[in-house]
PDB file of N, CA and C in Angstrom:
ATOM      1  N   MET A   1      57.314 103.205 113.495  1.00  0.00           N
ATOM      2  CA  MET A   1      56.183 104.111 113.579  1.00  0.00           C
ATOM      3  C   MET A   1      54.959 103.427 112.981  1.00  0.00           C
ATOM      4  N   SER A   2      53.813 103.704 113.562  1.00  0.00           N
ATOM      5  CA  SER A   2      52.553 103.141 113.090  1.00  0.00           C
ATOM      6  C   SER A   2      51.647 104.252 112.574  1.00  0.00           C
ATOM      7  N   VAL A   3      50.673 103.841 111.759  1.00  0.00           N
ATOM      8  CA  VAL A   3      49.739 104.785 111.148  1.00  0.00           C
ATOM      9  C   VAL A   3      48.314 104.319 111.436  1.00  0.00           C
ATOM     10  N   ILE A   4      47.449 105.260 111.789  1.00  0.00           N
ATOM     11  CA  ILE A   4      46.045 104.957 112.062  1.00  0.00           C
ATOM     12  C   ILE A   4      45.259 105.031 110.758  1.00  0.00           C
ATOM     13  N   LYS A   5      44.410 104.047 110.547  1.00  0.00           N
ATOM     14  CA  LYS A   5      43.513 104.017 109.389  1.00  0.00           C
ATOM     15  C   LYS A   5      42.083 103.906 109.900  1.00  0.00           C
ATOM     16  N   ALA A   6      41.158 104.552 109.194  1.00  0.00           N
ATOM     17  CA  ALA A   6      39.747 104.498 109.571  1.00  0.00           C
ATOM     18  C   ALA A   6      38.908 104.106 108.370  1.00  0.00           C
ATOM     19  N   ASP A   7      37.883 103.319 108.620  1.00  0.00           N
ATOM     20  CA  ASP A   7      36.903 102.969 107.596  1.00  0.00           C
ATOM     21  C   ASP A   7      35.641 103.774 107.903  1.00  0.00           C
ATOM     22  N   VAL A   8      35.493 104.917 107.232  1.00  0.00           N
ATOM     23  CA  VAL A   8      34.355 105.802 107.520  1.00  0.00           C
ATOM     24  C   VAL A   8      33.030 105.203 107.073  1.00  0.00           C
ATOM     25  N   GLU A   9      33.081 104.202 106.208  1.00  0.00           N
ATOM     26  CA  GLU A   9      31.850 103.513 105.806  1.00  0.00           C
ATOM     27  C   GLU A   9      31.317 102.644 106.947  1.00  0.00           C
ATOM     28  N   VAL A  10      32.201 102.223 107.823  1.00  0.00           N
ATOM     29  CA  VAL A  10      31.828 101.377 108.954  1.00  0.00           C
ATOM     30  C   VAL A  10      31.516 102.224 110.200  1.00  0.00           C
ATOM     31  N   CYS A  11      32.217 103.332 110.353  1.00  0.00           N
ATOM     32  CA  CYS A  11      32.063 104.190 111.531  1.00  0.00           C
ATOM     33  C   CYS A  11      30.614 104.643 111.699  1.00  0.00           C
ATOM     34  N   GLN A  12      30.135 104.563 112.938  1.00  0.00           N
ATOM     35  CA  GLN A  12      28.776 105.001 113.247  1.00  0.00           C
ATOM     36  C   GLN A  12      28.760 106.180 114.213  1.00  0.00           C
ATOM     37  N   GLY A  13      29.919 106.772 114.443  1.00  0.00           N
ATOM     38  CA  GLY A  13      29.992 107.991 115.238  1.00  0.00           C
ATOM     39  C   GLY A  13      29.793 107.824 116.733  1.00  0.00           C
ATOM     40  N   TYR A  14      30.122 106.674 117.278  1.00  0.00           N
ATOM     41  CA  TYR A  14      29.983 106.466 118.722  1.00  0.00           C
ATOM     42  C   TYR A  14      30.907 107.378 119.536  1.00  0.00           C
ATOM     43  N   ALA A  15      32.026 107.762 118.955  1.00  0.00           N
ATOM     44  CA  ALA A  15      32.999 108.694 119.551  1.00  0.00           C
ATOM     45  C   ALA A  15      33.763 108.122 120.743  1.00  0.00           C
ATOM     46  N   ASN A  16      33.778 106.819 120.904  1.00  0.00           N
ATOM     47  CA  ASN A  16      34.591 106.219 121.967  1.00  0.00           C
ATOM     48  C   ASN A  16      36.064 106.568 121.775  1.00  0.00           C
ATOM     49  N   CYS A  17      36.502 106.600 120.535  1.00  0.00           N
ATOM     50  CA  CYS A  17      37.898 106.933 120.236  1.00  0.00           C
ATOM     51  C   CYS A  17      38.213 108.370 120.649  1.00  0.00           C
ATOM     52  N   VAL A  18      37.254 109.264 120.467  1.00  0.00           N
ATOM     53  CA  VAL A  18      37.444 110.669 120.842  1.00  0.00           C
ATOM     54  C   VAL A  18      37.589 110.786 122.357  1.00  0.00           C
ATOM     55  N   VAL A  19      36.776 110.059 123.084  1.00  0.00           N
ATOM     56  CA  VAL A  19      36.862 110.075 124.549  1.00  0.00           C
ATOM     57  C   VAL A  19      38.234 109.578 125.001  1.00  0.00           C
ATOM     58  N   ALA A  20      38.746 108.566 124.337  1.00  0.00           N
ATOM     59  CA  ALA A  20      40.025 107.968 124.722  1.00  0.00           C
ATOM     60  C   ALA A  20      41.236 108.781 124.272  1.00  0.00           C
ATOM     61  N   ALA A  21      41.107 109.494 123.143  1.00  0.00           N
ATOM     62  CA  ALA A  21      42.257 110.235 122.600  1.00  0.00           C
ATOM     63  C   ALA A  21      41.768 111.411 121.748  1.00  0.00           C
ATOM     64  N   ALA A  22      41.272 112.436 122.415  1.00  0.00           N
ATOM     65  CA  ALA A  22      40.693 113.596 121.717  1.00  0.00           C
ATOM     66  C   ALA A  22      41.723 114.383 120.913  1.00  0.00           C
ATOM     67  N   ASP A  23      42.989 114.212 121.216  1.00  0.00           N
ATOM     68  CA  ASP A  23      44.028 114.894 120.452  1.00  0.00           C
ATOM     69  C   ASP A  23      44.315 114.201 119.123  1.00  0.00           C
ATOM     70  N   VAL A  24      43.776 112.997 118.942  1.00  0.00           N
ATOM     71  CA  VAL A  24      44.038 112.217 117.729  1.00  0.00           C
ATOM     72  C   VAL A  24      42.779 112.009 116.896  1.00  0.00           C
ATOM     73  N   PHE A  25      41.630 111.884 117.557  1.00  0.00           N
ATOM     74  CA  PHE A  25      40.373 111.588 116.870  1.00  0.00           C
ATOM     75  C   PHE A  25      39.341 112.684 117.111  1.00  0.00           C
ATOM     76  N   ASP A  26      38.461 112.857 116.140  1.00  0.00           N
ATOM     77  CA  ASP A  26      37.325 113.769 116.278  1.00  0.00           C
ATOM     78  C   ASP A  26      36.178 113.187 115.465  1.00  0.00           C
ATOM     79  N   ILE A  27      35.000 113.732 115.644  1.00  0.00           N
ATOM     80  CA  ILE A  27      33.855 113.366 114.823  1.00  0.00           C
ATOM     81  C   ILE A  27      33.557 114.558 113.929  1.00  0.00           C
ATOM     82  N   GLY A  28      33.547 114.320 112.624  1.00  0.00           N
ATOM     83  CA  GLY A  28      33.343 115.386 111.654  1.00  0.00           C
ATOM     84  C   GLY A  28      31.878 115.700 111.416  1.00  0.00           C
ATOM     85  N   ASP A  29      31.634 116.635 110.518  1.00  0.00           N
ATOM     86  CA  ASP A  29      30.279 117.069 110.186  1.00  0.00           C
ATOM     87  C   ASP A  29      29.411 115.938 109.659  1.00  0.00           C
ATOM     88  N   ALA A  30      30.024 114.952 109.036  1.00  0.00           N
ATOM     89  CA  ALA A  30      29.279 113.812 108.492  1.00  0.00           C
ATOM     90  C   ALA A  30      28.908 112.799 109.578  1.00  0.00           C
ATOM     91  N   GLY A  31      29.379 113.035 110.808  1.00  0.00           N
ATOM     92  CA  GLY A  31      29.065 112.128 111.902  1.00  0.00           C
ATOM     93  C   GLY A  31      29.975 110.925 111.996  1.00  0.00           C
ATOM     94  N   THR A  32      31.103 110.973 111.295  1.00  0.00           N
ATOM     95  CA  THR A  32      32.057 109.868 111.326  1.00  0.00           C
ATOM     96  C   THR A  32      33.418 110.368 111.798  1.00  0.00           C
ATOM     97  N   VAL A  33      34.267 109.420 112.122  1.00  0.00           N
ATOM     98  CA  VAL A  33      35.575 109.730 112.675  1.00  0.00           C
ATOM     99  C   VAL A  33      36.433 110.532 111.696  1.00  0.00           C
ATOM    100  N   VAL A  34      37.186 111.458 112.268  1.00  0.00           N
ATOM    101  CA  VAL A  34      38.216 112.206 111.556  1.00  0.00           C
ATOM    102  C   VAL A  34      39.503 111.983 112.342  1.00  0.00           C
ATOM    103  N   ILE A  35      40.540 111.579 111.643  1.00  0.00           N
ATOM    104  CA  ILE A  35      41.831 111.363 112.296  1.00  0.00           C
ATOM    105  C   ILE A  35      42.612 112.668 112.203  1.00  0.00           C
ATOM    106  N   LEU A  36      42.905 113.256 113.339  1.00  0.00           N
ATOM    107  CA  LEU A  36      43.602 114.536 113.386  1.00  0.00           C
ATOM    108  C   LEU A  36      45.102 114.382 113.179  1.00  0.00           C
ATOM    109  N   ASP A  37      45.640 113.262 113.605  1.00  0.00           N
ATOM    110  CA  ASP A  37      47.070 112.975 113.448  1.00  0.00           C
ATOM    111  C   ASP A  37      47.205 111.470 113.258  1.00  0.00           C
ATOM    112  N   ASP A  38      47.507 111.038 112.035  1.00  0.00           N
ATOM    113  CA  ASP A  38      47.491 109.598 111.743  1.00  0.00           C
ATOM    114  C   ASP A  38      48.774 108.860 112.097  1.00  0.00           C
ATOM    115  N   THR A  39      49.829 109.574 112.437  1.00  0.00           N
ATOM    116  CA  THR A  39      51.066 108.898 112.813  1.00  0.00           C
ATOM    117  C   THR A  39      51.125 108.729 114.327  1.00  0.00           C
ATOM    118  N   VAL A  40      51.590 107.570 114.753  1.00  0.00           N
ATOM    119  CA  VAL A  40      51.618 107.246 116.175  1.00  0.00           C
ATOM    120  C   VAL A  40      53.056 106.972 116.590  1.00  0.00           C
ATOM    121  N   ALA A  41      53.538 107.758 117.508  1.00  0.00           N
ATOM    122  CA  ALA A  41      54.868 107.521 118.058  1.00  0.00           C
ATOM    123  C   ALA A  41      54.836 106.270 118.922  1.00  0.00           C
ATOM    124  N   GLU A  42      55.940 105.580 118.974  1.00  0.00           N
ATOM    125  CA  GLU A  42      56.019 104.351 119.760  1.00  0.00           C
ATOM    126  C   GLU A  42      55.636 104.600 121.219  1.00  0.00           C
ATOM    127  N   SER A  43      56.014 105.742 121.738  1.00  0.00           N
ATOM    128  CA  SER A  43      55.724 106.064 123.139  1.00  0.00           C
ATOM    129  C   SER A  43      54.234 106.269 123.407  1.00  0.00           C
ATOM    130  N   ASP A  44      53.448 106.515 122.382  1.00  0.00           N
ATOM    131  CA  ASP A  44      52.014 106.780 122.523  1.00  0.00           C
ATOM    132  C   ASP A  44      51.152 105.622 122.022  1.00  0.00           C
ATOM    133  N   GLU A  45      51.788 104.567 121.556  1.00  0.00           N
ATOM    134  CA  GLU A  45      51.064 103.480 120.899  1.00  0.00           C
ATOM    135  C   GLU A  45      50.052 102.782 121.813  1.00  0.00           C
ATOM    136  N   ALA A  46      50.383 102.549 123.061  1.00  0.00           N
ATOM    137  CA  ALA A  46      49.460 101.846 123.965  1.00  0.00           C
ATOM    138  C   ALA A  46      48.155 102.618 124.128  1.00  0.00           C
ATOM    139  N   ARG A  47      48.242 103.926 124.273  1.00  0.00           N
ATOM    140  CA  ARG A  47      47.042 104.751 124.431  1.00  0.00           C
ATOM    141  C   ARG A  47      46.190 104.732 123.172  1.00  0.00           C
ATOM    142  N   ILE A  48      46.829 104.780 122.012  1.00  0.00           N
ATOM    143  CA  ILE A  48      46.096 104.785 120.750  1.00  0.00           C
ATOM    144  C   ILE A  48      45.472 103.420 120.485  1.00  0.00           C
ATOM    145  N   VAL A  49      46.169 102.355 120.812  1.00  0.00           N
ATOM    146  CA  VAL A  49      45.601 101.009 120.664  1.00  0.00           C
ATOM    147  C   VAL A  49      44.359 100.873 121.540  1.00  0.00           C
ATOM    148  N   THR A  50      44.398 101.398 122.742  1.00  0.00           N
ATOM    149  CA  THR A  50      43.223 101.382 123.617  1.00  0.00           C
ATOM    150  C   THR A  50      42.062 102.127 122.972  1.00  0.00           C
ATOM    151  N   ALA A  51      42.335 103.280 122.383  1.00  0.00           N
ATOM    152  CA  ALA A  51      41.289 104.055 121.705  1.00  0.00           C
ATOM    153  C   ALA A  51      40.723 103.288 120.519  1.00  0.00           C
ATOM    154  N   ILE A  52      41.587 102.661 119.744  1.00  0.00           N
ATOM    155  CA  ILE A  52      41.150 101.885 118.577  1.00  0.00           C
ATOM    156  C   ILE A  52      40.287 100.709 119.016  1.00  0.00           C
ATOM    157  N   ARG A  53      40.697 100.030 120.051  1.00  0.00           N
ATOM    158  CA  ARG A  53      39.936  98.871 120.546  1.00  0.00           C
ATOM    159  C   ARG A  53      38.597  99.273 121.159  1.00  0.00           C
ATOM    160  N   SER A  54      38.455 100.537 121.518  1.00  0.00           N
ATOM    161  CA  SER A  54      37.194 100.997 122.113  1.00  0.00           C
ATOM    162  C   SER A  54      36.088 101.172 121.073  1.00  0.00           C
ATOM    163  N   CYS A  55      36.429 101.101 119.799  1.00  0.00           N
ATOM    164  CA  CYS A  55      35.430 101.257 118.736  1.00  0.00           C
ATOM    165  C   CYS A  55      34.536 100.018 118.678  1.00  0.00           C
ATOM    166  N   PRO A  56      33.231 100.190 118.920  1.00  0.00           N
ATOM    167  CA  PRO A  56      32.340  99.027 118.946  1.00  0.00           C
ATOM    168  C   PRO A  56      32.072  98.405 117.579  1.00  0.00           C
ATOM    169  N   VAL A  57      32.414  99.114 116.499  1.00  0.00           N
ATOM    170  CA  VAL A  57      32.175  98.569 115.158  1.00  0.00           C
ATOM    171  C   VAL A  57      33.480  98.281 114.412  1.00  0.00           C
ATOM    172  N   SER A  58      34.603  98.362 115.112  1.00  0.00           N
ATOM    173  CA  SER A  58      35.932  98.063 114.545  1.00  0.00           C
ATOM    174  C   SER A  58      36.228  98.862 113.281  1.00  0.00           C
ATOM    175  N   ALA A  59      35.966 100.150 113.336  1.00  0.00           N
ATOM    176  CA  ALA A  59      36.201 101.016 112.180  1.00  0.00           C
ATOM    177  C   ALA A  59      37.633 101.540 112.120  1.00  0.00           C
ATOM    178  N   LEU A  60      38.417 101.276 113.150  1.00  0.00           N
ATOM    179  CA  LEU A  60      39.783 101.787 113.218  1.00  0.00           C
ATOM    180  C   LEU A  60      40.777 100.643 113.253  1.00  0.00           C
ATOM    181  N   ARG A  61      41.968 100.911 112.711  1.00  0.00           N
ATOM    182  CA  ARG A  61      43.038  99.922 112.775  1.00  0.00           C
ATOM    183  C   ARG A  61      44.381 100.650 112.798  1.00  0.00           C
ATOM    184  N   LEU A  62      45.395  99.958 113.237  1.00  0.00           N
ATOM    185  CA  LEU A  62      46.743 100.488 113.298  1.00  0.00           C
ATOM    186  C   LEU A  62      47.616  99.663 112.373  1.00  0.00           C
ATOM    187  N   GLU A  63      48.316 100.335 111.476  1.00  0.00           N
ATOM    188  CA  GLU A  63      49.198  99.656 110.525  1.00  0.00           C
ATOM    189  C   GLU A  63      50.627 100.108 110.748  1.00  0.00           C
ATOM    190  N   THR A  64      51.552  99.204 110.549  1.00  0.00           N
ATOM    191  CA  THR A  64      52.965  99.544 110.638  1.00  0.00           C
ATOM    192  C   THR A  64      53.384 100.243 109.355  1.00  0.00           C
ATOM    193  N   ALA A  65      54.025 101.396 109.518  1.00  0.00           N
ATOM    194  CA  ALA A  65      54.455 102.178 108.347  1.00  0.00           C
ATOM    195  C   ALA A  65      55.792 101.693 107.845  1.00  0.00           C
TER     196      ALA A  65
END
């Protein structure tokens, strides 16, 4: 299982991750990413990796738990 991590200091609120996986990512009141579900099932990993890679400022990463 993998875990999503976000660097909110780097996030600029482009919301590309939200477009790619709205069930996992959102943009909060502060204008930065909010991770709605940080655990990633193996069956969903490809979709989440695509969402993470869509971040233009590399504010997201996937770590092995």
